[in-house]
Protein backbone atom coordinates (compact mmCIF):
# COMPACT_ATOMS: atom_id res chain seq x y z
CA MET A 1 0.14 -0.27 -0.06
CA ALA A 2 1.21 3.31 -0.84
CA HIS A 3 2.22 5.55 2.12
CA ASP A 4 2.51 9.22 3.22
CA THR A 5 6.12 9.68 3.68
CA GLU A 6 9.00 7.04 3.47
CA VAL A 7 10.21 8.05 7.21
CA LEU A 8 8.65 9.25 9.60
CA VAL A 9 10.30 10.99 12.38
CA LEU A 10 8.76 11.75 15.71
CA GLY A 11 10.42 14.21 17.96
CA GLY A 12 11.84 17.87 17.07
CA GLY A 13 15.05 17.69 19.69
CA SER A 14 17.98 17.42 18.18
CA THR A 15 18.38 13.69 17.69
CA GLY A 16 15.15 13.84 15.19
CA CYS A 17 16.09 17.12 13.58
CA GLY A 18 19.46 15.62 13.16
CA THR A 19 18.04 12.19 12.21
CA ALA A 20 15.50 13.94 9.57
CA ARG A 21 18.50 16.26 7.91
CA ASP A 22 20.48 13.30 7.59
CA LEU A 23 17.68 11.15 5.60
CA ALA A 24 16.56 14.05 3.53
CA ARG A 25 20.04 14.39 2.30
CA ARG A 26 20.29 10.81 1.55
CA GLY A 27 16.84 11.45 -0.74
CA LEU A 28 14.62 10.28 1.24
CA GLU A 29 11.20 11.40 1.58
CA VAL A 30 10.86 12.62 5.45
CA THR A 31 8.27 13.75 7.44
CA LEU A 32 9.26 14.99 10.82
CA VAL A 33 6.46 15.49 13.40
CA GLU A 34 6.47 17.36 17.09
CA ARG A 35 4.39 17.83 19.57
CA GLY A 36 5.70 21.46 20.71
CA ASN A 37 8.19 23.72 19.39
CA LEU A 38 11.36 22.51 17.79
CA THR A 39 13.22 21.96 20.93
CA ASP A 40 10.16 21.39 23.00
CA GLY A 41 11.64 18.80 25.15
CA THR A 42 15.62 18.03 26.72
CA THR A 43 17.24 19.93 24.08
CA GLY A 44 15.81 23.16 25.47
CA ARG A 45 16.43 22.67 28.33
CA MET A 46 20.19 21.85 28.70
CA HIS A 47 22.87 23.95 29.79
CA GLY A 48 24.61 24.44 26.22
CA LEU A 49 27.85 22.63 26.75
CA LEU A 50 29.79 21.15 24.10
CA HIS A 51 31.31 18.30 25.65
CA SER A 52 34.94 17.80 25.29
CA GLY A 53 34.40 14.70 26.71
CA GLY A 54 36.35 15.33 29.89
CA ARG A 55 33.09 15.12 32.26
CA TYR A 56 33.11 11.00 31.54
CA ALA A 57 36.78 10.53 31.10
CA VAL A 58 37.10 8.33 34.11
CA SER A 59 33.53 7.51 34.24
CA ASP A 60 32.68 6.28 30.79
CA GLN A 61 35.54 6.27 28.32
CA ALA A 62 33.48 5.23 25.49
CA SER A 63 31.00 8.57 25.38
CA ALA A 64 34.12 10.62 26.04
CA THR A 65 35.67 9.02 22.94
CA GLU A 66 32.87 10.11 21.02
CA CYS A 67 32.53 13.44 22.48
CA ILE A 68 35.92 14.15 21.67
CA GLU A 69 35.44 13.29 18.00
CA GLU A 70 32.04 15.10 17.62
CA ASN A 71 32.84 17.99 19.62
CA GLU A 72 35.52 18.42 16.31
CA THR A 73 32.73 17.75 14.05
CA LEU A 74 30.30 19.98 15.16
CA ARG A 75 33.05 23.02 15.53
CA GLU A 76 33.29 22.66 11.56
CA ILE A 77 29.69 22.35 10.12
CA ALA A 78 28.09 24.45 12.97
CA GLY A 79 30.57 26.84 13.73
CA HIS A 80 27.62 29.81 13.73
CA CYS A 81 25.85 27.91 17.12
CA VAL A 82 29.46 27.16 18.69
CA GLU A 83 31.08 29.40 21.15
CA GLU A 84 35.09 28.00 21.64
CA THR A 85 35.14 29.11 25.10
CA GLY A 86 37.54 26.24 26.62
CA GLY A 87 37.02 24.56 29.69
CA LEU A 88 38.45 23.85 33.27
CA PHE A 89 38.48 21.13 35.68
CA VAL A 90 39.12 22.96 38.87
CA GLN A 91 40.29 21.22 42.05
CA ARG A 92 39.47 22.72 45.36
CA PRO A 93 41.93 21.89 48.47
CA GLU A 94 38.92 19.39 49.54
CA ASP A 95 38.69 17.63 46.30
CA PRO A 96 40.71 14.59 45.91
CA ASP A 97 44.46 14.16 44.61
CA GLU A 98 44.24 10.82 43.16
CA TYR A 99 40.72 11.92 41.02
CA PHE A 100 42.24 14.84 39.63
CA ARG A 101 44.91 12.59 38.73
CA GLU A 102 42.57 10.16 37.47
CA LYS A 103 40.94 12.83 35.29
CA LEU A 104 43.85 13.65 33.28
CA GLU A 105 45.42 10.22 32.76
CA GLY A 106 41.75 9.35 31.28
CA CYS A 107 41.54 12.37 29.12
CA ARG A 108 44.74 11.71 27.47
CA GLU A 109 43.69 7.54 27.16
CA CYS A 110 40.43 9.13 25.36
CA ASN A 111 42.82 11.93 23.16
CA ILE A 112 41.40 14.75 24.80
CA PRO A 113 43.92 17.51 24.82
CA ALA A 114 44.42 18.26 28.65
CA GLU A 115 46.83 20.78 29.87
CA VAL A 116 47.11 20.96 33.83
CA LEU A 117 47.35 24.69 35.30
CA SER A 118 48.16 25.87 38.53
CA GLY A 119 45.92 27.94 40.55
CA ARG A 120 47.69 30.96 39.96
CA GLU A 121 47.10 30.40 35.95
CA ALA A 122 43.66 29.27 36.29
CA ARG A 123 42.95 32.69 38.04
CA GLU A 124 44.66 34.26 35.07
CA VAL A 125 42.10 32.67 32.81
CA GLU A 126 39.24 33.28 35.28
CA PRO A 127 39.73 35.73 37.85
CA TYR A 128 36.56 34.97 39.51
CA LEU A 129 37.94 31.71 41.03
CA ALA A 130 38.25 30.91 44.53
CA SER A 131 41.39 32.14 45.81
CA ASP A 132 42.09 28.73 47.53
CA VAL A 133 41.69 26.83 43.67
CA LYS A 134 45.17 24.38 43.95
CA ARG A 135 45.14 24.06 40.11
CA ALA A 136 42.94 22.94 37.28
CA ILE A 137 43.16 20.92 33.66
CA GLU A 138 42.24 22.90 30.54
CA VAL A 139 40.16 21.42 27.98
CA PRO A 140 38.39 22.22 24.60
CA ASP A 141 34.88 22.13 26.21
CA GLY A 142 32.75 25.13 24.18
CA ALA A 143 29.35 26.58 24.64
CA VAL A 144 26.78 25.75 21.98
CA ASP A 145 23.07 27.08 21.28
CA PRO A 146 20.47 24.08 21.61
CA PHE A 147 17.95 26.22 19.74
CA ARG A 148 19.65 27.72 16.67
CA LEU A 149 21.44 24.21 16.01
CA CYS A 150 18.23 22.22 16.03
CA VAL A 151 16.66 24.98 13.91
CA ALA A 152 19.63 24.98 11.27
CA ASN A 153 18.90 21.40 11.23
CA ALA A 154 15.66 21.13 10.41
CA MET A 155 15.70 24.10 7.54
CA ASP A 156 18.35 22.26 6.10
CA ALA A 157 16.32 18.90 6.39
CA GLU A 158 13.26 21.05 4.73
CA ASN A 159 15.60 22.58 2.19
CA HIS A 160 15.95 18.56 1.00
CA GLY A 161 12.29 18.52 0.81
CA ALA A 162 11.79 17.45 4.46
CA ARG A 163 8.44 17.99 5.55
CA VAL A 164 8.48 19.33 9.51
CA GLU A 165 5.31 19.46 11.55
CA THR A 166 5.49 21.31 14.78
CA HIS A 167 2.82 21.52 17.30
CA ALA A 168 1.97 18.16 16.50
CA GLU A 169 1.27 16.03 19.07
CA VAL A 170 1.06 12.01 18.06
CA VAL A 171 -2.22 10.36 20.04
CA ASP A 172 -1.32 7.35 18.47
CA LEU A 173 0.59 4.50 16.64
CA LEU A 174 -0.85 3.05 13.95
CA ARG A 175 -0.04 -0.78 14.05
CA ASP A 176 -1.22 -3.82 11.90
CA GLY A 177 -0.83 -6.67 13.45
CA ASP A 178 2.58 -6.90 13.87
CA ASP A 179 3.69 -3.66 11.64
CA VAL A 180 3.91 -0.01 12.92
CA TYR A 181 2.70 1.85 9.61
CA GLY A 182 2.38 5.27 10.84
CA VAL A 183 0.98 7.82 13.45
CA GLU A 184 -1.62 10.09 14.07
CA VAL A 185 -1.11 13.62 14.97
CA ARG A 186 -3.29 15.79 16.49
CA HIS A 187 -2.18 19.77 15.54
CA ASP A 188 -2.37 22.70 17.27
CA SER A 189 -4.05 24.72 14.48
CA GLY A 190 -3.80 22.52 11.37
CA PRO A 191 -0.85 21.92 9.22
CA GLY A 192 1.82 24.30 8.54
CA THR A 193 3.24 27.02 9.95
CA ARG A 194 1.58 27.80 13.57
CA ASP A 195 -1.58 30.00 13.95
CA HIS A 196 -2.87 31.05 16.88
CA GLY A 197 -6.00 31.63 15.21
CA ALA A 198 -7.32 28.43 13.69
CA ALA A 199 -8.68 25.84 14.63
CA GLY A 200 -6.78 22.44 15.43
CA THR A 201 -7.30 19.29 13.60
CA THR A 202 -6.01 15.56 13.31
CA GLU A 203 -4.33 13.56 10.76
CA GLU A 204 -3.10 10.18 9.86
CA ILE A 205 0.77 10.10 8.52
CA THR A 206 1.33 6.61 7.14
CA ALA A 207 5.06 5.78 6.13
CA ASP A 208 6.89 3.17 5.43
CA TYR A 209 9.30 3.43 8.50
CA VAL A 210 9.05 5.28 12.00
CA VAL A 211 12.18 6.30 13.99
CA ASN A 212 11.14 7.03 17.48
CA ALA A 213 13.42 10.13 18.56
CA THR A 214 11.44 11.52 21.62
CA GLY A 215 13.75 11.22 24.40
CA ALA A 216 12.62 11.04 27.72
CA TRP A 217 8.93 10.27 26.15
CA ALA A 218 10.23 7.38 24.00
CA GLY A 219 8.78 4.74 26.88
CA GLN A 220 5.62 6.61 26.11
CA ILE A 221 5.53 6.39 22.40
CA GLY A 222 6.39 2.71 22.64
CA ALA A 223 3.39 1.75 24.98
CA MET A 224 1.08 3.50 22.29
CA ALA A 225 2.04 0.07 20.21
CA ASP A 226 2.19 -2.38 23.29
CA LEU A 227 6.14 -1.81 23.30
CA GLU A 228 8.44 -1.48 26.05
CA VAL A 229 10.97 1.26 25.88
CA ALA A 230 12.33 1.10 29.68
CA VAL A 231 13.58 4.82 29.77
CA ARG A 232 14.59 6.49 32.87
CA PRO A 233 14.30 9.94 33.05
CA SER A 234 16.14 12.35 35.25
CA LYS A 235 15.53 15.41 35.99
CA GLY A 236 18.54 18.36 36.63
CA VAL A 237 17.88 22.14 37.49
CA MET A 238 19.62 24.79 35.71
CA THR A 239 19.72 28.52 36.96
CA ILE A 240 20.41 31.76 34.86
CA MET A 241 22.93 34.74 36.28
CA ASN A 242 21.97 38.19 34.82
CA VAL A 243 25.34 38.40 33.17
CA ARG A 244 28.91 36.06 32.30
CA GLN A 245 30.74 35.96 35.67
CA VAL A 246 33.30 33.50 33.63
CA ASP A 247 33.94 32.79 29.88
CA THR A 248 35.40 29.61 30.32
CA VAL A 249 33.40 26.39 31.11
CA ILE A 250 34.14 26.08 35.00
CA ASN A 251 33.92 21.99 36.30
CA ARG A 252 34.08 20.65 39.63
CA CYS A 253 37.09 18.11 39.51
CA ARG A 254 35.36 15.43 41.70
CA PRO A 255 34.14 12.28 41.42
CA LYS A 256 30.43 12.96 41.39
CA GLY A 257 28.05 15.62 43.06
CA ASP A 258 25.00 18.21 42.26
CA ALA A 259 26.01 21.18 41.55
CA ASP A 260 29.32 21.17 39.46
CA ILE A 261 29.68 23.19 36.33
CA VAL A 262 28.78 26.52 35.01
CA VAL A 263 28.90 27.28 31.40
CA PRO A 264 28.77 30.94 29.94
CA HIS A 265 25.86 31.47 27.55
CA GLU A 266 25.62 34.59 25.17
CA THR A 267 24.99 37.42 27.56
CA THR A 268 24.54 34.92 30.78
CA ALA A 269 25.84 32.18 32.36
CA ILE A 270 24.02 28.81 33.20
CA LEU A 271 24.68 26.65 36.86
CA GLY A 272 23.92 23.05 36.48
CA THR A 273 22.83 20.89 37.45
CA THR A 274 20.97 17.95 39.69
CA ASP A 275 20.51 14.28 38.72
CA GLU A 276 17.25 12.86 40.16
CA GLU A 277 15.21 9.76 38.48
CA VAL A 278 11.64 10.90 37.93
CA ASP A 279 8.59 8.63 36.94
CA ASP A 280 6.71 11.17 34.42
CA PRO A 281 9.23 13.77 32.10
CA ASP A 282 5.84 15.97 32.17
CA ASP A 283 4.89 15.84 35.76
CA TYR A 284 7.37 16.38 38.57
CA PRO A 285 8.29 18.74 41.24
CA GLU A 286 10.52 22.10 40.85
CA GLU A 287 12.18 22.65 44.12
CA GLU A 288 13.55 25.58 45.08
CA TRP A 289 15.78 24.27 47.58
CA GLU A 290 17.80 22.97 44.65
CA VAL A 291 18.51 26.49 43.15
CA ASP A 292 19.42 27.65 46.31
CA MET A 293 21.64 24.30 46.57
CA MET A 294 23.00 25.45 42.96
CA ILE A 295 24.15 28.90 43.96
CA ASP A 296 25.75 27.98 47.77
CA THR A 297 27.49 25.06 46.34
CA LEU A 298 29.46 27.05 43.22
CA SER A 299 29.83 29.75 45.28
CA GLU A 300 32.68 27.66 46.65
CA LEU A 301 34.38 27.66 43.41
CA LEU A 302 33.31 31.58 42.00
CA PRO A 303 32.34 33.54 45.35
CA ILE A 304 30.84 36.19 43.23
CA LEU A 305 27.71 33.98 42.49
CA SER A 306 26.69 34.39 45.88
CA GLU A 307 26.29 38.02 45.23
CA SER A 308 25.07 37.67 41.65
CA ARG A 309 21.57 38.60 40.31
CA THR A 310 19.68 35.23 39.01
CA ILE A 311 17.03 36.21 35.99
CA ARG A 312 15.38 32.15 35.85
CA SER A 313 15.79 28.84 36.53
CA PHE A 314 14.57 25.72 34.38
CA TRP A 315 14.33 22.05 35.17
CA GLY A 316 15.23 19.36 31.97
CA VAL A 317 14.73 15.95 31.80
CA ARG A 318 17.77 13.76 30.80
CA PRO A 319 16.36 10.12 29.04
CA LEU A 320 18.51 7.92 30.15
CA TYR A 321 18.56 4.13 28.92
CA GLU A 322 20.52 0.95 29.73
CA PRO A 323 19.72 -2.61 28.95
CA PRO A 324 17.39 -4.86 31.11
CA GLY A 325 18.53 -6.41 33.95
CA THR A 326 22.20 -4.13 34.49
CA GLY A 327 19.80 -2.75 37.72
CA THR A 328 21.95 0.67 37.85
CA GLN A 329 20.56 2.79 41.35
CA ASP A 330 22.20 6.09 41.16
CA PRO A 331 20.86 7.32 38.06
CA THR A 332 24.25 8.98 37.68
CA ASP A 333 26.01 6.02 37.29
CA ILE A 334 23.87 5.40 34.18
CA THR A 335 25.63 4.78 31.00
CA ARG A 336 25.62 8.47 28.55
CA ASP A 337 26.04 6.34 25.49
CA PHE A 338 22.84 5.39 23.29
CA PHE A 339 20.94 2.55 22.29
CA LEU A 340 19.61 2.28 18.90
CA LEU A 341 16.37 -0.53 19.25
CA ASP A 342 14.77 -2.45 16.35
CA HIS A 343 11.99 -3.73 17.59
CA ASP A 344 11.32 -6.19 15.15
CA ASP A 345 14.52 -7.82 16.10
CA ARG A 346 13.62 -7.29 19.79
CA ASP A 347 10.05 -7.51 20.22
CA GLY A 348 9.01 -8.99 16.44
CA VAL A 349 7.20 -5.55 15.77
CA SER A 350 8.51 -4.24 12.35
CA GLY A 351 8.32 -0.49 11.07
CA MET A 352 9.50 0.88 13.77
CA SER A 353 13.14 1.69 15.99
CA THR A 354 13.42 3.57 18.72
CA ILE A 355 17.09 6.02 19.49
CA VAL A 356 17.06 6.60 23.18
CA GLY A 357 19.96 7.47 25.50
CA GLY A 358 23.15 10.04 24.60
CA LYS A 359 23.84 13.10 24.85
CA PHE A 360 23.15 16.51 22.88
CA THR A 361 26.71 16.82 22.21
CA THR A 362 26.59 13.34 20.00
CA TYR A 363 23.03 13.85 18.45
CA ARG A 364 24.73 13.78 14.85
CA ALA A 365 26.32 10.29 15.31
CA MET A 366 23.24 9.31 16.76
CA ALA A 367 21.52 10.56 13.63
CA GLU A 368 23.57 8.87 11.70
CA GLU A 369 23.65 5.55 13.54
CA ILE A 370 20.01 5.07 12.83
CA ALA A 371 20.01 6.44 9.53
CA ASP A 372 22.21 3.59 8.36
CA HIS A 373 19.61 1.55 10.08
CA VAL A 374 16.59 3.02 8.16
CA CYS A 375 18.40 2.64 5.14
CA ASP A 376 19.56 -0.90 5.65
CA LYS A 377 15.84 -1.70 6.76
CA LEU A 378 14.46 0.22 3.36
CA GLY A 379 17.18 -1.00 0.95
CA VAL A 380 18.42 2.26 0.35
CA ARG A 381 22.38 2.97 -0.86
CA ALA A 382 22.96 5.86 0.67
CA SER A 383 26.46 7.49 2.59
CA CYS A 384 25.57 9.81 5.22
CA ASP A 385 27.64 13.49 4.85
CA THR A 386 26.82 15.69 7.93
CA ALA A 387 29.90 15.25 9.15
CA ASP A 388 31.06 17.20 6.04
CA ALA A 389 28.13 19.37 5.11
CA ALA A 390 27.98 22.75 6.98
CA LEU A 391 24.48 23.82 7.96
CA PRO A 392 22.79 26.78 7.31
CA GLY A 393 24.42 29.27 8.70
CA SER A 394 28.05 27.59 8.88
CA GLU A 395 28.54 27.51 5.02
CA ASN A 396 31.25 30.03 4.91
CA LEU A 397 31.76 31.82 8.37
CA ALA A 398 35.53 33.34 6.76
CA VAL A 399 34.08 35.04 3.98
CA LEU A 400 31.72 36.44 6.35
CA GLU A 401 33.84 37.52 8.86
CA ARG A 402 35.80 39.06 5.84
CA GLY A 403 33.15 41.18 4.85
CA MET A 404 31.54 42.16 8.37
CA ASP A 405 31.73 45.90 7.28
CA ASP A 406 29.48 45.79 4.71
CA PHE A 407 26.49 45.64 7.27
CA GLY A 408 27.96 47.63 9.83
CA LEU A 409 28.93 44.50 11.65
CA ARG A 410 31.53 45.97 13.96
CA SER A 411 28.74 47.48 15.94
CA PRO A 412 28.04 45.28 18.86
CA VAL A 413 24.33 45.04 18.14
CA ALA A 414 25.09 43.91 14.34
CA ARG A 415 27.96 41.42 15.72
CA ARG A 416 24.98 40.03 18.09
CA SER A 417 22.76 39.12 14.52
CA LYS A 418 25.95 38.22 12.49
CA GLN A 419 26.88 35.60 15.34
CA ARG A 420 22.84 34.11 15.56
CA LEU A 421 22.84 34.14 11.88
CA GLY A 422 26.40 33.38 10.62
CA SER A 423 26.05 33.04 6.74
CA ARG A 424 22.77 34.07 6.80
CA SER A 425 23.46 37.53 7.79
CA GLU A 426 23.35 38.98 4.51
CA ALA A 427 19.92 37.56 2.99
CA VAL A 428 18.75 38.70 6.37
CA LEU A 429 19.88 41.81 7.44
CA GLU A 430 19.85 43.46 3.89
CA THR A 431 16.77 45.22 3.79
CA GLU A 432 15.65 48.41 2.80
CA GLU A 433 12.96 49.03 5.61
CA PRO A 434 14.38 50.39 9.12
CA ASN A 435 15.75 47.61 10.97
CA PRO A 436 15.55 49.16 14.74
CA VAL A 437 16.27 46.83 17.71
CA LEU A 438 13.57 45.58 19.37
CA CYS A 439 15.34 43.25 22.23
CA ALA A 440 17.85 45.60 23.60
CA CYS A 441 19.17 43.16 26.41
CA GLU A 442 19.91 40.54 23.52
CA GLY A 443 20.29 43.11 20.41
CA VAL A 444 17.73 41.79 18.47
CA THR A 445 16.38 43.69 15.09
CA ARG A 446 13.43 43.92 13.31
CA ALA A 447 14.68 42.04 10.60
CA GLU A 448 15.49 38.85 12.25
CA VAL A 449 12.31 38.84 14.01
CA GLN A 450 10.46 39.40 11.04
CA ASP A 451 12.96 35.86 9.28
CA ALA A 452 11.63 33.98 12.07
CA ILE A 453 7.92 34.68 11.58
CA ASN A 454 8.07 33.85 8.24
CA GLN A 455 9.32 30.60 9.36
CA SER A 456 7.15 29.94 12.53
CA GLY A 457 3.86 31.73 11.90
CA SER A 458 2.07 33.28 15.22
CA ASP A 459 4.78 31.29 17.69
CA LEU A 460 6.51 34.05 19.39
CA ASN A 461 7.94 31.29 21.31
CA ALA A 462 9.32 30.01 18.56
CA VAL A 463 10.32 33.37 17.75
CA ARG A 464 11.91 33.54 20.75
CA ILE A 465 14.25 30.47 20.49
CA ARG A 466 15.16 31.64 16.63
CA THR A 467 16.54 34.75 17.91
CA ARG A 468 17.25 35.01 21.76
CA ALA A 469 14.65 37.88 22.12
CA SER A 470 13.19 37.90 25.61
CA MET A 471 15.97 35.71 27.19
CA GLY A 472 17.84 38.57 28.52
CA ASN A 473 18.09 40.49 32.05
CA CYS A 474 14.36 41.86 31.74
CA GLN A 475 13.12 38.50 31.00
CA GLY A 476 10.70 40.24 27.88
CA GLY A 477 9.39 42.88 30.24
CA PHE A 478 10.26 45.44 27.53
CA CYS A 479 10.16 43.61 24.61
CA CYS A 480 7.59 40.88 24.40
CA GLN A 481 5.29 43.54 23.12
CA GLN A 482 6.93 44.78 20.32
CA LEU A 483 7.32 41.14 19.11
CA ALA A 484 3.91 41.06 19.19
CA CYS A 485 3.60 44.38 17.04
CA GLU A 486 5.52 42.73 14.34
CA LEU A 487 2.28 39.75 13.67
CA HIS A 488 0.62 42.49 12.61
CA PRO A 489 -0.87 43.02 10.20
CA GLU A 490 -0.90 39.58 8.77
CA TYR A 491 -2.62 37.86 12.10
CA ASP A 492 -5.66 39.44 13.55
CA GLU A 493 -5.96 41.08 16.83
CA ALA A 494 -7.23 37.90 19.10
CA THR A 495 -4.57 35.54 17.18
CA THR A 496 -2.18 38.24 18.21
CA ARG A 497 -2.57 38.32 21.94
CA ALA A 498 -3.06 34.73 22.42
CA ALA A 499 0.28 34.37 20.75
CA LEU A 500 1.47 37.09 23.48
CA ASP A 501 -0.15 35.69 26.69
CA GLU A 502 1.80 32.40 25.69
CA LEU A 503 4.99 34.43 25.21
CA PHE A 504 4.31 36.12 28.76
CA GLN A 505 3.79 32.62 30.28
CA GLU A 506 6.61 31.12 29.29
CA ARG A 507 8.37 33.94 30.49
CA TRP A 508 6.84 33.84 33.46
CA LYS A 509 7.75 30.28 34.50
CA GLY A 510 10.88 30.05 34.79
CA GLN A 511 10.83 33.50 37.09
CA ARG A 512 9.13 32.22 39.85
CA HIS A 513 11.92 30.67 41.51
CA ALA A 514 14.36 33.19 41.04
CA LEU A 515 12.03 36.05 42.79
CA TRP A 516 14.43 37.96 45.50
CA GLY A 517 16.70 40.85 45.18
CA GLU A 518 16.78 43.05 42.16
CA GLN A 519 15.04 40.06 40.12
CA LEU A 520 11.88 40.21 42.21
CA SER A 521 12.05 44.38 41.41
CA GLN A 522 12.05 43.61 37.71
CA ALA A 523 9.33 41.26 38.08
CA MET A 524 7.38 43.74 40.01
CA LEU A 525 8.55 46.30 37.23
CA ASN A 526 7.37 43.96 34.53
CA TYR A 527 3.90 43.69 35.95
CA ALA A 528 3.65 47.31 36.64
CA LEU A 529 4.37 48.55 32.98
CA HIS A 530 1.93 45.33 31.39
CA ALA A 531 -0.83 46.31 33.99
CA THR A 532 -0.86 50.37 32.95
CA THR A 533 0.53 50.42 29.68
CA MET A 534 -1.91 47.35 28.43
CA ASN A 535 -4.22 46.72 31.29
CA ARG A 536 -3.17 42.97 31.50
CA ASP A 537 -4.62 42.81 34.65
CA ARG A 538 -8.08 43.50 33.10
CA ASP A 539 -7.86 43.30 29.58
CA PRO A 540 -10.68 44.98 28.08
CA ALA A 541 -9.69 42.81 24.72
CA GLY A 542 -11.60 39.71 27.24
CA VAL A 543 -15.02 41.70 27.44
CA ASP A 544 -17.57 41.66 24.27
CA GLU A 545 -19.27 44.83 25.01
CA ARG A 546 -17.33 48.05 23.95
CA ILE A 547 -15.78 49.80 27.28
CA ALA A 548 -15.34 53.37 28.09
CA PHE A 549 -12.06 54.69 28.86
CA ASP A 550 -13.23 56.04 32.62
CA ALA A 551 -14.16 52.53 33.84
CA PHE A 552 -10.81 52.22 35.08
CA ASP A 553 -10.63 54.95 36.90
CA GLY A 554 -11.41 52.89 40.09
CA GLY A 555 -8.21 50.61 39.35
CA PRO A 556 -8.33 47.02 38.74
CA GLY A 557 -10.59 46.58 41.30
CA GLY A 558 -13.50 49.26 40.63
CA GLU A 559 -16.51 49.85 39.51
CA ARG A 560 -17.68 50.44 35.95
C-alpha cells in the first residue's frame, strides 16, 4: 500500500532534527512531527555545554571518546552555533588528588587535549575563581546554542524536501498486526506554520518506516503500540545568571555530585545541575531548595555567584537508558551512551525503531547510526555526509568575517546578529526597511524577528528560540509587546493577543524560582509596566461589549 512518506521521525529535538536532516540529504522522503516547538523537550532544557568528553574521561571512556570526536565535528559544521570557550576542571583543597590524576590520565587515554594549570594560572584565565583553588585541567569544552543548532538541522532537512510539523502531538501509533505503519497526530492549529487563530485538526500520517526519537518520552510513544522502552528519566535544574561571570566552562574536578558546572552562554552564565530520577518527564516537582543549593555550592568555586543576580531557573529531563537487567540504582552511574532498539529484532514488531540515551553533543552520530539502520531496512544505498556538510548559517564563516563591515557588523548589536545568523546574515539583514532593535537585552533587530516569523507563523516562542528575543535580563518585560506588534498586519488582534499571552506565560514560568533581590524588583517592574500600559490585569480585549475609558478610573478592582 502507498504511504504518505518514506520515513516518519517522531520528535523535534536534536536527535530527531539531526535524523530528519541526515535522511533527507540521502534522498529519502521524510516527515518530522513534534508536539511543541522544536527543542520543546530535553534539547531546549540543557546548559549548553559542548562536551570535550572530559566529564566522562574516568567513568565512561567510550562516551568520552565519542564526545571529543563530535566536538571537533560540530565546530566545523556548526560554527555559528558554537562558542569556543574552552573549559577548566577545577580542584579545590577538599577535592581528592587521586581523582585529579585519574581525570588527567583519562583525558589523555581518550585523546582529549588536556593541560594542567596551577591555581594562579587558572585565576589568570578566570579571575573570579576562588582564591584557594589548587589547580585545574584545561580541556576544549565549548558552549553551543541548542535552539539555533536544532533549527539549522530542521532548515537543512526542509531544504532537502522534508516536511517538518511542529505543534503536532502524536496521539496514537498505527499498528496492523505486527507492523507499525504510521501515527495519528493532533495539530494545534492545523498543518503548516502555527496560527493561534486557526482550529486544531487531526491527521493520520503513514510511512514505510517510523523512527521514535522522542527521548525521555520514548517509553510513552512505544506503549501506544504495546512496546516497552524502559527509559529512566532523570531531572536536573539549571539556573541562569544575569551576566557572564566567566568566559570559560568551569567544572568541579571531583568524582560526582550536584552543582558542579558553570557554562557561559551568550550574555549569561548557566549553573548546573542535579540528577534525580523521576517517573513522568512531564510531571515532577521543581523545588526552590534545588536552586538555592546550586548557587551555594557553586559559590565555593566562584564566590561572586553568592552576590549575583539570578534571572530564572528551569528543569530538564535526561533520557537515560540502560539494557534490561543492568540494575543501576544511582542515575549518575547510568551510561550516557546511546542505544538503537530495533523493535523487529527485539519485539517481533516491524516498521519502527527507537533511539534513546546519548547526549546533545553526540546527536549527529546518533542520527547517522539510526539513518544507516533505516536505509538498511528500506534497501536504500546512500552514504552519510552530515559530518562534512555545513549547516545553514555555517557554510562559509571565513568569508562572512571578512565582509563584516558590509552591514556595519563592527557595532555590538550587528555583531550579535551576525553571530546568530552566521552566513545567513546578508540575506536577512539586507533590507530597505527601518531595522530598529526590538530586544535591547539581546540586541535582536526587527529583520531577525520578521525572518523568524516567516519560519514559524504566529508562535512567538518559536521566534524566541530562533533569535533569543526576550531571553535577557528583563525576561521580556520591555520587548514582548514589540515582538507581538510584528505579527501585524498578517495576523488579527485575537491571534496576536493569544501569541503574546503564551510568550508571557513561558517567560514567567522560569522566573517564579528567582524572585528575590534585584530580580524580584524586575518582576514587579514588568508587572507594573504591563498592567498600566496594556491593562493586562484587566484586559478590555477579553470583554465582548464596548468599554469606556472612564470604566478604569477606579483601578483594577473599581466599579464600571
